[in-house]
Amino acid sequence: MRNAGPTSSRWLAAVGIHTLDDLRKVGVVNAYNLVRAQGYNATLNLLWALQGALTDTPWNALPESVKQDLQRRIKESA
């Protein structure tokens, strides 16, 4: 999966996300929340990486508006 290094891949696998299709089904925000709920020290960079994986975009090239929307959705899901 684009943007996912070995640590992120392990975290995602631990919550049942192994493929891009898995990520699509679960959703970026839910996947991030699942990883955090397992006690992993995931930062917002993971959230950006997951969104980038879905859109085939480098995580550091996501528009600021997308990042802000994702942060808003994380706060709303808490």
Protein backbone atom coordinates (compact mmCIF):
# COMPACT_ATOMS: atom_id res chain seq x y z
CA MET A 1 0.00 0.00 0.00
CA ARG A 2 1.39 3.39 -0.97
CA ASN A 3 2.74 5.47 1.95
CA ALA A 4 2.71 2.54 4.40
CA GLY A 5 6.07 1.62 5.82
CA PRO A 6 6.79 -1.52 7.81
CA THR A 7 5.51 -0.15 11.13
CA SER A 8 2.30 1.26 9.67
CA SER A 9 1.73 -1.98 7.78
CA ARG A 10 2.07 -3.98 11.01
CA TRP A 11 -0.35 -1.69 12.82
CA LEU A 12 -2.88 -1.95 10.01
CA ALA A 13 -2.55 -5.73 9.85
CA ALA A 14 -3.15 -5.90 13.60
CA VAL A 15 -6.56 -4.30 13.06
CA GLY A 16 -7.42 -6.43 10.03
CA ILE A 17 -6.42 -4.07 7.24
CA HIS A 18 -4.16 -5.86 4.77
CA THR A 19 -5.08 -4.38 1.40
CA LEU A 20 -6.23 -1.16 -0.20
CA ASP A 21 -9.68 -2.72 -0.55
CA ASP A 22 -9.74 -3.39 3.20
CA LEU A 23 -8.87 0.27 3.79
CA ARG A 24 -11.62 1.42 1.43
CA LYS A 25 -14.19 -0.72 3.26
CA VAL A 26 -13.15 0.45 6.72
CA GLY A 27 -12.48 4.06 5.80
CA VAL A 28 -9.48 6.22 6.58
CA VAL A 29 -10.82 7.76 9.79
CA ASN A 30 -12.05 4.43 11.16
CA ALA A 31 -8.75 2.75 10.30
CA TYR A 32 -6.81 5.49 12.11
CA ASN A 33 -9.10 5.21 15.12
CA LEU A 34 -8.76 1.42 15.19
CA VAL A 35 -4.97 1.67 15.18
CA ARG A 36 -5.05 4.25 18.00
CA ALA A 37 -7.52 2.13 19.98
CA GLN A 38 -5.01 -0.74 19.90
CA GLY A 39 -2.60 1.51 21.78
CA TYR A 40 -0.25 2.23 18.91
CA ASN A 41 1.36 5.67 18.96
CA ALA A 42 0.01 6.68 15.56
CA THR A 43 0.32 10.33 14.64
CA LEU A 44 -1.59 12.35 12.10
CA ASN A 45 1.05 11.34 9.58
CA LEU A 46 -0.60 7.90 9.54
CA LEU A 47 -3.91 9.54 8.75
CA TRP A 48 -2.32 11.47 5.89
CA ALA A 49 -0.62 8.29 4.66
CA LEU A 50 -3.89 6.38 4.64
CA GLN A 51 -5.67 9.12 2.71
CA GLY A 52 -2.75 9.28 0.31
CA ALA A 53 -2.96 5.53 -0.20
CA LEU A 54 -6.60 5.83 -1.21
CA THR A 55 -5.96 8.68 -3.61
CA ASP A 56 -2.57 7.44 -4.87
CA THR A 57 -0.95 10.61 -3.54
CA PRO A 58 2.22 11.01 -1.49
CA TRP A 59 1.13 11.75 2.07
CA ASN A 60 3.12 14.97 2.16
CA ALA A 61 1.42 16.24 -1.02
CA LEU A 62 -2.12 16.20 0.36
CA PRO A 63 -3.77 19.61 0.20
CA GLU A 64 -4.14 21.42 3.52
CA SER A 65 -7.92 21.45 3.05
CA VAL A 66 -7.96 17.64 2.95
CA LYS A 67 -5.84 17.44 6.09
CA GLN A 68 -8.12 19.86 7.90
CA ASP A 69 -11.19 17.89 6.86
CA LEU A 70 -9.63 14.66 8.11
CA GLN A 71 -8.73 16.29 11.43
CA ARG A 72 -12.30 17.55 11.78
CA ARG A 73 -13.64 14.06 11.10
CA ILE A 74 -11.29 12.58 13.72
CA LYS A 75 -12.52 15.07 16.33
CA GLU A 76 -16.14 14.33 15.44
CA SER A 77 -15.57 10.59 15.78
CA ALA A 78 -14.14 10.90 19.30
